[in-house]
Amino acid sequence: MKTNTVLAITLIAIGILALTYQGITYTTEEKVVDLGPIQMTAEKTKTLPLPPIVGAVTLVAGIVLLVRGGKSG
């Protein structure tokens, strides 16, 4: 497989995932209390939103790269 084809397929997959999930959710652990030997932590869930335009642009770029790569080869 050509490098352009692999890159195009990767971009298409990332675009579809970005449109499907529309954000990346992750969990962090933060200290709530720190009194000498006593420590308490809490897990907090945070979300990094991905606008739908990011997924659409990535998907279209992958399709264009795939089509152009097929015609030049």
C-alpha atoms as a PDB file:
ATOM      1  CA  MET A   1       0.000   0.000   0.000  1.00  0.00           C
ATOM      2  CA  LYS A   2       1.130   3.515  -0.725  1.00  0.00           C
ATOM      3  CA  THR A   3       1.730   5.979   2.079  1.00  0.00           C
ATOM      4  CA  ASN A   4      -0.984   8.300   0.710  1.00  0.00           C
ATOM      5  CA  THR A   5      -3.545   5.493   0.774  1.00  0.00           C
ATOM      6  CA  VAL A   6      -2.728   4.601   4.375  1.00  0.00           C
ATOM      7  CA  LEU A   7      -2.898   8.274   5.376  1.00  0.00           C
ATOM      8  CA  ALA A   8      -6.229   8.695   3.559  1.00  0.00           C
ATOM      9  CA  ILE A   9      -7.781   5.672   5.264  1.00  0.00           C
ATOM     10  CA  THR A  10      -6.494   6.889   8.626  1.00  0.00           C
ATOM     11  CA  LEU A  11      -7.995  10.349   8.081  1.00  0.00           C
ATOM     12  CA  ILE A  12     -11.323   8.836   7.066  1.00  0.00           C
ATOM     13  CA  ALA A  13     -11.388   6.656  10.198  1.00  0.00           C
ATOM     14  CA  ILE A  14     -10.499   9.596  12.455  1.00  0.00           C
ATOM     15  CA  GLY A  15     -13.167  11.729  10.766  1.00  0.00           C
ATOM     16  CA  ILE A  16     -15.846   9.099  11.313  1.00  0.00           C
ATOM     17  CA  LEU A  17     -14.822   8.677  14.959  1.00  0.00           C
ATOM     18  CA  ALA A  18     -14.819  12.452  15.521  1.00  0.00           C
ATOM     19  CA  LEU A  19     -18.314  12.750  14.047  1.00  0.00           C
ATOM     20  CA  THR A  20     -19.559   9.801  16.080  1.00  0.00           C
ATOM     21  CA  TYR A  21     -18.197  10.691  19.524  1.00  0.00           C
ATOM     22  CA  GLN A  22     -17.981  14.518  19.219  1.00  0.00           C
ATOM     23  CA  GLY A  23     -15.583  14.733  22.153  1.00  0.00           C
ATOM     24  CA  ILE A  24     -12.851  13.059  24.134  1.00  0.00           C
ATOM     25  CA  THR A  25     -13.675  12.180  27.737  1.00  0.00           C
ATOM     26  CA  TYR A  26     -10.925  11.515  30.255  1.00  0.00           C
ATOM     27  CA  THR A  27     -10.642  11.100  34.024  1.00  0.00           C
ATOM     28  CA  THR A  28      -8.178  12.849  36.301  1.00  0.00           C
ATOM     29  CA  GLU A  29      -7.414  12.257  39.947  1.00  0.00           C
ATOM     30  CA  GLU A  30      -7.130  15.342  42.156  1.00  0.00           C
ATOM     31  CA  LYS A  31      -6.138  15.714  45.791  1.00  0.00           C
ATOM     32  CA  VAL A  32      -9.018  16.917  47.930  1.00  0.00           C
ATOM     33  CA  VAL A  33      -7.449  16.674  51.389  1.00  0.00           C
ATOM     34  CA  ASP A  34      -3.765  16.457  52.335  1.00  0.00           C
ATOM     35  CA  LEU A  35      -3.302  16.444  56.128  1.00  0.00           C
ATOM     36  CA  GLY A  36       0.032  14.751  56.785  1.00  0.00           C
ATOM     37  CA  PRO A  37      -0.506  10.984  56.522  1.00  0.00           C
ATOM     38  CA  ILE A  38      -4.186  11.441  55.607  1.00  0.00           C
ATOM     39  CA  GLN A  39      -4.787  12.015  51.917  1.00  0.00           C
ATOM     40  CA  MET A  40      -8.041  11.960  50.018  1.00  0.00           C
ATOM     41  CA  THR A  41      -8.404  12.066  46.258  1.00  0.00           C
ATOM     42  CA  ALA A  42     -11.363  12.446  43.963  1.00  0.00           C
ATOM     43  CA  GLU A  43     -11.788  11.364  40.370  1.00  0.00           C
ATOM     44  CA  LYS A  44     -13.100  14.053  38.057  1.00  0.00           C
ATOM     45  CA  THR A  45     -14.332  13.414  34.552  1.00  0.00           C
ATOM     46  CA  LYS A  46     -13.504  16.059  31.983  1.00  0.00           C
ATOM     47  CA  THR A  47     -14.543  16.368  28.353  1.00  0.00           C
ATOM     48  CA  LEU A  48     -12.620  17.932  25.496  1.00  0.00           C
ATOM     49  CA  PRO A  49     -15.325  18.790  22.941  1.00  0.00           C
ATOM     50  CA  LEU A  50     -14.704  18.280  19.227  1.00  0.00           C
ATOM     51  CA  PRO A  51     -16.852  20.426  16.961  1.00  0.00           C
ATOM     52  CA  PRO A  52     -18.534  18.457  14.143  1.00  0.00           C
ATOM     53  CA  ILE A  53     -16.662  20.597  11.585  1.00  0.00           C
ATOM     54  CA  VAL A  54     -13.378  18.979  12.704  1.00  0.00           C
ATOM     55  CA  GLY A  55     -14.711  15.508  11.909  1.00  0.00           C
ATOM     56  CA  ALA A  56     -16.228  16.662   8.615  1.00  0.00           C
ATOM     57  CA  VAL A  57     -13.036  18.372   7.430  1.00  0.00           C
ATOM     58  CA  THR A  58     -10.931  15.346   8.383  1.00  0.00           C
ATOM     59  CA  LEU A  59     -13.327  12.980   6.623  1.00  0.00           C
ATOM     60  CA  VAL A  60     -13.429  15.086   3.439  1.00  0.00           C
ATOM     61  CA  ALA A  61      -9.635  15.460   3.447  1.00  0.00           C
ATOM     62  CA  GLY A  62      -9.244  11.690   3.676  1.00  0.00           C
ATOM     63  CA  ILE A  63     -11.696  11.103   0.821  1.00  0.00           C
ATOM     64  CA  VAL A  64     -10.007  13.718  -1.377  1.00  0.00           C
ATOM     65  CA  LEU A  65      -6.586  12.240  -0.660  1.00  0.00           C
ATOM     66  CA  LEU A  66      -7.868   8.747  -1.429  1.00  0.00           C
ATOM     67  CA  VAL A  67      -9.445   9.830  -4.751  1.00  0.00           C
ATOM     68  CA  ARG A  68      -6.440  11.888  -5.854  1.00  0.00           C
ATOM     69  CA  GLY A  69      -4.041   9.090  -4.866  1.00  0.00           C
ATOM     70  CA  GLY A  70      -5.988   6.599  -6.979  1.00  0.00           C
ATOM     71  CA  LYS A  71      -5.967   8.795 -10.081  1.00  0.00           C
ATOM     72  CA  SER A  72      -2.241   9.615  -9.981  1.00  0.00           C
ATOM     73  CA  GLY A  73      -1.168   5.989  -9.595  1.00  0.00           C
END
